[in-house]
Protein backbone atom coordinates (compact mmCIF):
# COMPACT_ATOMS: atom_id res chain seq x y z
CA UNK A 1 -3.53 34.21 14.05
CA UNK A 2 -4.64 32.34 10.95
CA UNK A 3 -8.01 30.66 10.67
CA UNK A 4 -10.10 28.31 8.59
CA UNK A 5 -13.79 29.29 8.52
CA UNK A 6 -15.93 26.17 8.89
CA UNK A 7 -19.67 26.32 9.56
CA UNK A 8 -19.29 29.84 10.97
CA UNK A 9 -16.59 28.83 13.45
CA UNK A 10 -12.91 29.75 13.36
CA UNK A 11 -10.59 26.76 13.30
CA UNK A 12 -6.80 27.21 13.44
CA UNK A 13 -5.46 25.28 10.53
CA UNK A 14 -2.39 26.89 8.98
CA UNK A 15 -0.37 30.11 8.75
CA UNK A 16 -2.59 31.52 6.05
CA UNK A 17 -6.11 32.72 6.60
CA UNK A 18 -8.22 30.02 5.02
CA UNK A 19 -11.76 29.99 3.89
CA UNK A 20 -13.62 26.95 2.72
CA UNK A 21 -12.36 27.70 -0.79
CA UNK A 22 -8.81 27.68 0.47
CA UNK A 23 -9.41 24.37 2.33
CA UNK A 24 -10.73 22.90 -0.91
CA UNK A 25 -7.60 24.19 -2.66
CA UNK A 26 -5.44 22.39 -0.08
CA UNK A 27 -7.25 19.12 -0.74
CA UNK A 28 -6.69 19.64 -4.52
CA UNK A 29 -2.99 20.32 -3.85
CA UNK A 30 -2.65 17.10 -1.86
CA UNK A 31 -4.45 15.19 -4.58
CA UNK A 32 -2.08 16.58 -7.18
CA UNK A 33 0.95 15.66 -5.03
CA UNK A 34 -0.42 12.16 -4.52
CA UNK A 35 -0.89 11.61 -8.26
CA UNK A 36 2.26 13.31 -9.51
CA UNK A 37 4.75 10.47 -8.87
CA UNK A 38 2.55 7.96 -10.66
CA UNK A 39 1.72 9.82 -13.92
CA UNK A 40 4.34 7.86 -15.87
CA UNK A 41 3.07 4.57 -14.45
CA UNK A 42 0.06 4.63 -16.87
CA UNK A 43 2.45 3.29 -19.49
CA UNK A 44 3.11 0.17 -17.47
CA UNK A 45 1.53 -3.20 -18.32
CA UNK A 46 0.14 -5.48 -15.66
CA UNK A 47 2.64 -7.66 -13.81
CA UNK A 48 2.14 -11.34 -13.10
CA UNK A 49 0.65 -10.84 -9.66
CA UNK A 50 -1.92 -8.42 -10.99
CA UNK A 51 -3.36 -11.11 -13.24
CA UNK A 52 -3.85 -13.28 -10.15
CA UNK A 53 -5.69 -10.38 -8.49
CA UNK A 54 -8.04 -10.18 -11.45
CA UNK A 55 -8.59 -13.91 -11.43
CA UNK A 56 -9.43 -13.76 -7.71
CA UNK A 57 -12.00 -11.06 -8.52
CA UNK A 58 -13.64 -13.49 -10.98
CA UNK A 59 -13.53 -16.48 -8.68
CA UNK A 60 -14.74 -14.81 -5.48
CA UNK A 61 -16.00 -11.36 -6.40
CA UNK A 62 -19.65 -11.88 -7.36
CA UNK A 63 -22.13 -11.90 -4.42
CA UNK A 64 -23.21 -15.44 -5.30
CA UNK A 65 -19.56 -16.65 -4.68
CA UNK A 66 -19.08 -14.92 -1.29
CA UNK A 67 -19.85 -18.11 0.64
CA UNK A 68 -16.92 -19.75 -1.16
CA UNK A 69 -14.78 -16.69 -0.31
CA UNK A 70 -15.76 -17.06 3.33
CA UNK A 71 -14.41 -20.62 3.28
CA UNK A 72 -10.96 -19.57 2.00
CA UNK A 73 -8.77 -18.86 5.08
CA UNK A 74 -6.35 -16.56 3.07
CA UNK A 75 -8.48 -14.61 0.64
CA UNK A 76 -11.42 -13.89 2.96
CA UNK A 77 -8.93 -11.60 4.68
CA UNK A 78 -8.59 -9.78 1.35
CA UNK A 79 -12.34 -9.66 0.61
CA UNK A 80 -12.62 -5.94 0.09
CA UNK A 81 -9.88 -5.85 -2.58
CA UNK A 82 -11.35 -8.91 -4.34
CA UNK A 83 -14.78 -7.41 -4.51
CA UNK A 84 -13.45 -4.06 -5.71
CA UNK A 85 -11.38 -5.79 -8.38
CA UNK A 86 -14.42 -7.72 -9.56
CA UNK A 87 -16.49 -4.58 -10.03
CA UNK A 88 -13.64 -2.67 -11.58
CA UNK A 89 -13.28 -5.38 -14.23
CA UNK A 90 -17.03 -5.46 -14.71
CA UNK A 91 -17.08 -1.80 -15.47
CA UNK A 92 -13.77 -1.30 -17.37
CA UNK A 93 -12.52 -4.80 -18.36
CA UNK A 94 -8.94 -5.92 -17.72
CA UNK A 95 -7.52 -2.38 -17.97
CA UNK A 96 -4.25 -1.38 -16.39
CA UNK A 97 -5.25 2.26 -16.55
CA UNK A 98 -8.54 1.56 -14.67
CA UNK A 99 -6.66 -0.51 -12.07
CA UNK A 100 -4.01 2.16 -11.53
CA UNK A 101 -6.67 4.91 -11.33
CA UNK A 102 -8.31 2.84 -8.56
CA UNK A 103 -5.01 2.64 -6.65
CA UNK A 104 -4.14 6.30 -7.14
CA UNK A 105 -7.67 7.31 -6.11
CA UNK A 106 -7.33 5.32 -2.88
CA UNK A 107 -3.91 6.85 -2.31
CA UNK A 108 -5.45 10.33 -2.65
CA UNK A 109 -8.21 9.42 -0.19
CA UNK A 110 -5.66 8.09 2.27
CA UNK A 111 -3.63 11.26 1.92
CA UNK A 112 -6.78 13.26 2.73
CA UNK A 113 -7.41 11.06 5.81
CA UNK A 114 -3.93 11.94 7.12
CA UNK A 115 -4.83 15.61 6.63
CA UNK A 116 -8.09 14.97 8.46
CA UNK A 117 -6.12 13.71 11.46
CA UNK A 118 -5.49 17.40 12.18
CA UNK A 119 -8.89 17.39 13.77
CA UNK A 120 -7.10 15.52 16.66
CA UNK A 121 -5.74 18.26 18.91
CA UNK A 122 -2.53 16.26 19.63
CA UNK A 123 -1.61 16.62 15.95
CA UNK A 124 -3.24 19.80 14.69
CA UNK A 125 -3.88 21.00 11.17
CA UNK A 126 -0.47 22.42 10.42
CA UNK A 127 1.24 19.10 11.22
CA UNK A 128 -1.39 16.99 9.49
CA UNK A 129 -1.06 19.00 6.25
CA UNK A 130 2.67 18.73 6.18
CA UNK A 131 2.58 15.03 7.03
CA UNK A 132 -0.04 14.38 4.33
CA UNK A 133 1.97 16.24 1.76
CA UNK A 134 5.06 14.16 2.51
CA UNK A 135 3.08 10.95 2.52
CA UNK A 136 1.57 11.80 -0.84
CA UNK A 137 4.93 11.83 -2.60
CA UNK A 138 6.93 9.48 -0.42
CA UNK A 139 8.93 6.98 -2.51
CA UNK A 140 9.28 4.33 0.16
CA UNK A 141 5.82 2.86 -0.26
CA UNK A 142 5.46 3.33 -4.04
CA UNK A 143 4.92 -0.42 -4.62
CA UNK A 144 1.66 -0.26 -2.76
CA UNK A 145 0.35 2.21 -5.33
CA UNK A 146 1.89 1.01 -8.60
CA UNK A 147 1.48 -2.71 -7.91
CA UNK A 148 -2.31 -3.34 -8.22
CA UNK A 149 -2.10 -6.66 -6.33
CA UNK A 150 -1.04 -4.57 -3.29
CA UNK A 151 -4.56 -3.09 -3.25
CA UNK A 152 -5.26 -4.71 0.19
CA UNK A 153 -2.67 -2.34 1.74
CA UNK A 154 -4.48 0.73 0.43
CA UNK A 155 -7.92 -0.46 1.56
CA UNK A 156 -6.71 -1.52 4.97
CA UNK A 157 -5.23 1.96 5.47
CA UNK A 158 -8.45 3.65 4.30
CA UNK A 159 -10.79 1.70 6.52
CA UNK A 160 -8.39 1.56 9.47
CA UNK A 161 -7.59 5.29 9.52
CA UNK A 162 -11.34 5.92 9.03
CA UNK A 163 -12.03 3.82 12.13
CA UNK A 164 -9.56 5.91 14.09
CA UNK A 165 -11.11 9.23 13.04
CA UNK A 166 -14.59 8.02 13.82
CA UNK A 167 -13.46 6.78 17.18
CA UNK A 168 -11.87 10.15 17.97
CA UNK A 169 -15.23 11.73 17.17
CA UNK A 170 -16.88 9.27 19.51
CA UNK A 171 -14.44 10.17 22.30
CA UNK A 172 -15.07 13.88 21.74
CA UNK A 173 -18.87 13.74 21.44
CA UNK A 174 -19.83 10.55 23.23
CA UNK A 175 -22.05 9.69 20.27
CA UNK A 176 -22.69 5.93 19.88
CA UNK A 177 -23.35 6.58 16.16
CA UNK A 178 -19.60 7.39 15.78
CA UNK A 179 -18.74 4.35 17.88
CA UNK A 180 -20.74 2.19 15.55
CA UNK A 181 -19.22 3.77 12.48
CA UNK A 182 -15.72 3.16 13.90
CA UNK A 183 -16.62 -0.50 14.56
CA UNK A 184 -17.97 -1.02 11.05
CA UNK A 185 -14.87 0.54 9.50
CA UNK A 186 -12.64 -1.56 11.73
CA UNK A 187 -14.40 -4.73 10.52
CA UNK A 188 -13.85 -3.62 6.92
CA UNK A 189 -10.17 -3.10 7.62
CA UNK A 190 -9.93 -6.66 8.96
CA UNK A 191 -11.58 -7.85 5.70
CA UNK A 192 -8.85 -5.97 3.80
CA UNK A 193 -5.60 -7.40 5.32
CA UNK A 194 -4.60 -9.40 8.37
CA UNK A 195 -2.25 -6.69 9.57
CA UNK A 196 -5.36 -4.60 10.38
CA UNK A 197 -5.39 -6.29 13.84
CA UNK A 198 -2.99 -3.61 14.90
CA UNK A 199 -5.76 -1.02 14.79
CA UNK A 200 -7.25 -2.51 17.95
CA UNK A 201 -4.23 -1.67 20.11
CA UNK A 202 -3.90 1.69 18.39
CA UNK A 203 -7.51 2.58 19.32
CA UNK A 204 -6.85 1.50 22.94
CA UNK A 205 -3.67 3.59 23.09
CA UNK A 206 -5.41 6.65 21.63
CA UNK A 207 -8.24 6.29 24.16
CA UNK A 208 -5.84 6.15 27.07
CA UNK A 209 -3.85 9.15 25.80
CA UNK A 210 -7.01 11.15 25.35
CA UNK A 211 -9.04 10.18 28.40
CA UNK A 212 -6.83 8.28 30.88
CA UNK A 213 -10.02 6.33 31.54
CA UNK A 214 -10.43 2.56 31.49
CA UNK A 215 -14.18 3.05 31.41
CA UNK A 216 -13.94 4.76 28.02
CA UNK A 217 -12.17 1.74 26.69
CA UNK A 218 -15.09 -0.65 27.44
CA UNK A 219 -16.70 -0.33 23.97
CA UNK A 220 -13.44 -1.62 22.55
CA UNK A 221 -14.29 -5.00 23.99
CA UNK A 222 -16.42 -5.54 20.86
CA UNK A 223 -13.38 -4.70 18.70
CA UNK A 224 -11.29 -7.14 20.71
CA UNK A 225 -13.91 -9.87 20.40
CA UNK A 226 -14.20 -9.63 16.64
CA UNK A 227 -10.40 -9.52 16.40
CA UNK A 228 -10.23 -12.73 18.45
CA UNK A 229 -12.71 -14.49 16.22
CA UNK A 230 -10.75 -13.18 13.15
CA UNK A 231 -7.39 -14.45 14.39
CA UNK A 232 -8.85 -17.78 15.45
CA UNK A 233 -10.25 -18.15 11.96
CA UNK A 234 -6.78 -17.55 10.44
CA UNK A 235 -5.01 -20.06 12.65
CA UNK A 236 -7.89 -22.53 12.60
CA UNK A 237 -7.53 -22.73 8.78
CA UNK A 238 -3.76 -22.76 8.63
CA UNK A 239 -3.82 -26.29 7.16
CA UNK A 240 -5.33 -24.75 4.01
CA UNK A 241 -3.72 -21.37 4.35
CA UNK A 242 -1.19 -20.77 1.65
CA UNK A 243 1.12 -18.56 3.64
CA UNK A 244 1.41 -21.03 6.45
CA UNK A 245 2.51 -23.71 4.07
CA UNK A 246 4.69 -22.00 1.43
CA UNK A 247 7.29 -20.55 3.87
CA UNK A 248 5.96 -17.00 3.66
CA UNK A 249 4.87 -16.64 7.32
CA UNK A 250 5.81 -18.24 10.61
CA UNK A 251 5.37 -17.31 14.27
CA UNK A 252 8.82 -18.78 14.74
CA UNK A 253 10.44 -16.26 12.47
CA UNK A 254 13.01 -13.87 14.07
CA UNK A 255 10.57 -11.00 14.02
CA UNK A 256 12.85 -8.65 16.00
CA UNK A 257 15.40 -8.66 13.20
CA UNK A 258 12.81 -7.81 10.55
CA UNK A 259 11.35 -5.14 12.79
CA UNK A 260 14.74 -3.45 13.57
CA UNK A 261 15.90 -3.56 9.94
CA UNK A 262 12.53 -2.18 8.72
CA UNK A 263 12.37 0.53 11.37
CA UNK A 264 15.85 1.78 10.64
CA UNK A 265 15.29 1.54 6.91
CA UNK A 266 12.12 3.53 7.09
CA UNK A 267 13.70 6.35 9.03
CA UNK A 268 16.75 6.50 6.80
CA UNK A 269 17.58 9.18 5.60
CA UNK A 270 14.91 11.83 6.07
CA UNK A 271 13.58 10.51 9.37
CA UNK A 272 16.93 10.52 11.08
CA UNK A 273 17.80 13.91 9.59
CA UNK A 274 14.58 15.32 11.07
CA UNK A 275 15.27 13.94 14.55
CA UNK A 276 18.90 15.23 14.44
CA UNK A 277 17.67 18.67 13.28
CA UNK A 278 15.16 18.96 16.11
CA UNK A 279 17.81 17.93 18.61
CA UNK A 280 20.38 20.45 17.32
CA UNK A 281 17.80 23.21 17.25
CA UNK A 282 16.71 22.26 20.78
CA UNK A 283 13.15 21.78 19.63
CA UNK A 284 12.80 18.20 20.88
CA UNK A 285 10.70 19.04 23.91
CA UNK A 286 8.26 21.25 22.02
CA UNK A 287 7.75 18.66 19.24
CA UNK A 288 7.89 15.60 21.49
CA UNK A 289 4.11 14.84 21.24
CA UNK A 290 4.30 14.71 17.44
CA UNK A 291 7.60 12.78 17.42
CA UNK A 292 6.40 10.24 19.95
CA UNK A 293 3.14 9.77 18.05
CA UNK A 294 4.99 9.20 14.79
CA UNK A 295 7.64 6.88 16.23
CA UNK A 296 5.09 4.80 18.19
CA UNK A 297 2.91 4.60 15.08
CA UNK A 298 5.86 3.28 13.02
CA UNK A 299 6.90 0.79 15.74
CA UNK A 300 3.44 -0.72 16.15
CA UNK A 301 2.33 -0.75 12.54
CA UNK A 302 5.46 -2.58 11.40
CA UNK A 303 4.90 -5.42 13.87
CA UNK A 304 2.27 -7.45 12.06
CA UNK A 305 4.55 -7.81 9.02
CA UNK A 306 7.63 -8.89 10.89
CA UNK A 307 6.89 -12.65 10.87
CA UNK A 308 7.95 -13.00 7.27
CA UNK A 309 10.48 -15.75 6.56
CA UNK A 310 11.66 -14.97 3.07
CA UNK A 311 13.65 -11.78 3.81
CA UNK A 312 15.13 -9.97 6.86
CA UNK A 313 13.09 -6.82 6.31
CA UNK A 314 9.58 -5.84 5.31
CA UNK A 315 8.94 -5.31 1.60
CA UNK A 316 8.35 -1.66 0.71
CA UNK A 317 4.68 -2.12 -0.21
CA UNK A 318 4.08 -3.29 3.39
CA UNK A 319 5.38 0.00 4.82
CA UNK A 320 2.43 1.98 3.50
CA UNK A 321 0.70 2.17 6.86
CA UNK A 322 3.90 2.81 8.83
CA UNK A 323 4.97 5.66 6.52
CA UNK A 324 2.14 7.79 7.84
CA UNK A 325 4.12 7.92 11.14
CA UNK A 326 7.20 8.96 9.15
CA UNK A 327 5.19 11.80 7.69
CA UNK A 328 4.57 13.09 11.28
CA UNK A 329 8.30 13.09 12.05
CA UNK A 330 9.13 14.92 8.82
CA UNK A 331 6.32 17.38 9.43
CA UNK A 332 7.65 18.32 12.86
CA UNK A 333 11.10 19.07 11.50
CA UNK A 334 9.72 21.00 8.55
CA UNK A 335 7.52 23.23 10.72
CA UNK A 336 10.40 23.78 13.15
CA UNK A 337 12.52 24.92 10.18
CA UNK A 338 9.74 27.22 9.05
CA UNK A 339 9.73 28.95 12.46
CA UNK A 340 13.51 29.44 12.43
CA UNK A 341 13.96 31.09 9.06
CA UNK A 342 12.11 34.34 9.96
CA UNK A 343 11.48 36.43 6.90
CA UNK A 344 13.41 34.10 4.67
CA UNK A 345 10.26 32.24 3.69
CA UNK A 346 11.84 30.94 0.52
CA UNK A 347 13.91 28.45 2.52
CA UNK A 348 11.04 26.12 3.57
CA UNK A 349 9.49 26.52 0.08
CA UNK A 350 12.80 25.49 -1.46
CA UNK A 351 13.13 22.49 0.89
CA UNK A 352 9.58 21.40 0.04
CA UNK A 353 10.30 21.69 -3.61
CA UNK A 354 13.45 19.57 -3.32
CA UNK A 355 11.55 16.90 -1.41
CA UNK A 356 8.80 16.76 -4.01
CA UNK A 357 11.20 16.66 -6.96
CA UNK A 358 13.41 14.03 -5.37
CA UNK A 359 10.62 11.70 -4.20
CA UNK A 360 8.46 11.99 -7.36
CA UNK A 361 11.47 11.93 -9.68
CA UNK A 362 12.84 8.79 -8.08
CA UNK A 363 9.60 6.97 -8.56
CA UNK A 364 9.19 8.17 -12.13
CA UNK A 365 12.71 7.67 -13.36
CA UNK A 366 14.34 5.04 -11.08
CA UNK A 367 11.56 2.75 -10.00
CA UNK A 368 9.59 2.91 -13.24
CA UNK A 369 12.22 1.03 -15.26
CA UNK A 370 12.27 -1.67 -12.54
CA UNK A 371 8.53 -2.21 -12.96
CA UNK A 372 8.94 -2.34 -16.69
CA UNK A 373 11.49 -5.14 -16.20
CA UNK A 374 9.26 -6.86 -13.72
CA UNK A 375 6.39 -6.93 -16.20
CA UNK A 376 8.41 -7.83 -19.27
CA UNK A 377 8.54 -11.67 -18.93
CA UNK A 378 4.72 -11.84 -18.69
CA UNK A 379 4.33 -9.46 -21.62
CA UNK A 380 6.70 -11.57 -23.78
CA UNK A 381 4.80 -14.73 -22.79
CA UNK A 382 1.49 -13.13 -23.84
CA UNK A 383 2.87 -12.06 -27.16
CA UNK A 384 4.29 -15.52 -27.80
CA UNK A 385 0.99 -17.16 -26.78
CA UNK A 386 -0.98 -15.01 -29.23
CA UNK A 387 0.99 -16.55 -32.08
CA UNK A 388 1.11 -20.16 -30.86
CA UNK A 389 -1.23 -22.53 -32.63
CA UNK A 390 -0.97 -25.41 -30.16
CA UNK A 391 0.03 -26.24 -26.56
CA UNK A 392 2.98 -24.17 -25.26
CA UNK A 393 5.62 -26.15 -23.33
CA UNK A 394 6.91 -23.90 -20.57
CA UNK A 395 10.53 -24.86 -20.09
CA UNK A 396 11.39 -22.01 -17.71
CA UNK A 397 9.49 -18.96 -16.59
CA UNK A 398 10.74 -16.71 -13.73
CA UNK A 399 7.49 -16.65 -11.82
CA UNK A 400 6.43 -20.28 -12.19
CA UNK A 401 3.94 -22.17 -14.25
CA UNK A 402 0.89 -21.13 -12.17
CA UNK A 403 1.60 -17.43 -12.75
CA UNK A 404 2.10 -18.13 -16.42
CA UNK A 405 -1.23 -19.97 -16.68
CA UNK A 406 -3.13 -17.15 -14.88
CA UNK A 407 -1.57 -14.46 -17.06
CA UNK A 408 -2.51 -16.26 -20.28
CA UNK A 409 -6.05 -17.09 -19.09
CA UNK A 410 -6.78 -13.50 -17.93
CA UNK A 411 -4.80 -11.69 -20.59
CA UNK A 412 -5.91 -13.68 -23.68
CA UNK A 413 -9.21 -15.31 -22.65
CA UNK A 414 -10.38 -18.92 -22.72
CA UNK A 415 -9.32 -19.50 -26.39
CA UNK A 416 -5.60 -19.04 -25.70
CA UNK A 417 -3.19 -21.91 -26.23
CA UNK A 418 -2.86 -24.20 -23.16
CA UNK A 419 0.38 -24.30 -21.23
CA UNK A 420 2.31 -27.41 -20.24
CA UNK A 421 4.98 -27.45 -17.59
CA UNK A 422 7.82 -29.26 -19.38
CA UNK A 423 11.35 -29.12 -17.86
CA UNK A 424 12.80 -31.21 -20.71
CA UNK A 425 10.91 -30.61 -23.99
CA UNK A 426 11.78 -33.01 -26.77
CA UNK A 427 13.20 -31.84 -30.11
CA UNK A 428 9.91 -32.34 -31.94
CA UNK A 429 7.79 -30.14 -29.64
CA UNK A 430 6.62 -27.23 -31.86
CA UNK A 431 6.11 -24.53 -29.23
CA UNK A 432 8.59 -24.18 -26.40
CA UNK A 433 8.82 -21.09 -24.24
CA UNK A 434 12.03 -20.53 -22.19
CA UNK A 435 12.42 -17.33 -20.24
CA UNK A 436 13.94 -17.84 -16.85
CA UNK A 437 16.40 -16.11 -14.62
CA UNK A 438 19.80 -14.78 -15.75
CA UNK A 439 21.43 -18.13 -16.41
CA UNK A 440 18.56 -18.94 -18.76
CA UNK A 441 18.56 -15.50 -20.38
CA UNK A 442 22.08 -16.06 -21.69
CA UNK A 443 20.54 -18.53 -24.09
CA UNK A 444 18.34 -15.89 -25.66
CA UNK A 445 19.08 -13.31 -28.27
CA UNK A 446 19.00 -9.80 -26.71
CA UNK A 447 16.70 -8.53 -29.50
CA UNK A 448 14.29 -11.30 -28.79
CA UNK A 449 14.20 -10.63 -25.06
CA UNK A 450 14.06 -6.83 -25.00
CA UNK A 451 13.35 -5.22 -28.36
CA UNK A 452 11.26 -7.31 -30.63
CA UNK A 453 9.61 -10.44 -29.20
CA UNK A 454 7.89 -11.00 -32.57
CA UNK A 455 11.24 -11.73 -34.16
CA UNK A 456 11.55 -14.96 -32.19
CA UNK A 457 10.78 -18.16 -34.01
CA UNK A 458 7.93 -20.41 -33.06
CA UNK A 459 10.28 -23.17 -32.11
CA UNK A 460 12.09 -21.61 -29.20
CA UNK A 461 11.85 -18.15 -27.59
């Protein structure tokens, strides 16, 4: 039997005999896997939403402005990301590399937290390592890492999973210190994203599975109380809440359609292949605790996002939390495969290599150009604004005049040329910027749009 030596005690963790040095090596391996798909992303510029995130850090991030943040019904639920953005800019300036390093760093920490879930006997170290490795390179949630404005997703995951781990320690030891730590982390998760409310039911479910005791759930009343206050604050401020008034969110949305589409999309292809493989191999019963944990995790963590009104499925960046459950499903099938191959140990190694190459390669070579295209309009606007010597009349911009103003303000500073929203600029206006959707792009020279923005005249872009 293989062991991991920790504090003089033997802990079963993997099929190799592990010392502390080997455990450290596993953490380094997970960190490398988590960073690998995003190495190429350091060449990306900021996209329009990232400039808004920086501006929010300036408006609400300093301690003196926290009272104003507390009055904002939308952004007080993103407080941790706003404060982190403020201090990141204070230390490194408006730096895409610093922002991306922050996101990748959090992604690595979240990967380690999934590995740490192996401390829970229901999961175990073998499963948690395989699940963490898959989560590290998984392409489905890549937006949450590359897109800096999705920072709330990473922070919510970090604090929420930390709350679960601390709560498990409380259940095991009975220590109220761990209970308090879990509560503090839970509150921080609520201050990271509204969808963190799902951690309350998850904690209650875990408590029931572990103890079958209603009495052990009593401390969760404090979690429920703070969640109630939190939700009341959201709905009490819906008059001034952007997402209640711009069509983004509605309790009347057909959430069951978004949930079903997102659940099926998350499991396709690897999740379904894993379930089918375990069924064919007649391993379903043995791996049922892991599969049920993963599938229930996916089902519950998708729910808070299913009230969107602008698309029939959840955007990929919002599947970051749910994909931890997918990792458990994949891990069960991978470990079952490892047991079936006998001495042909190269087979699981080859499968793991194919998964890593496919997932990381897709992010680096398929998704990367899409992010380049997404950032390009804002980059062209900034290059144009650097040369303009007077007000720029925005005739058409794909992300709206507000996004254009924030990008110029953050990207060029207070001395940049002001922007004017002008749907019909006259012939004598000296600086007119037009860069809209495809019907507008047909009016632009391809070289001006893609290759050399400097070649565009000052009259019209």
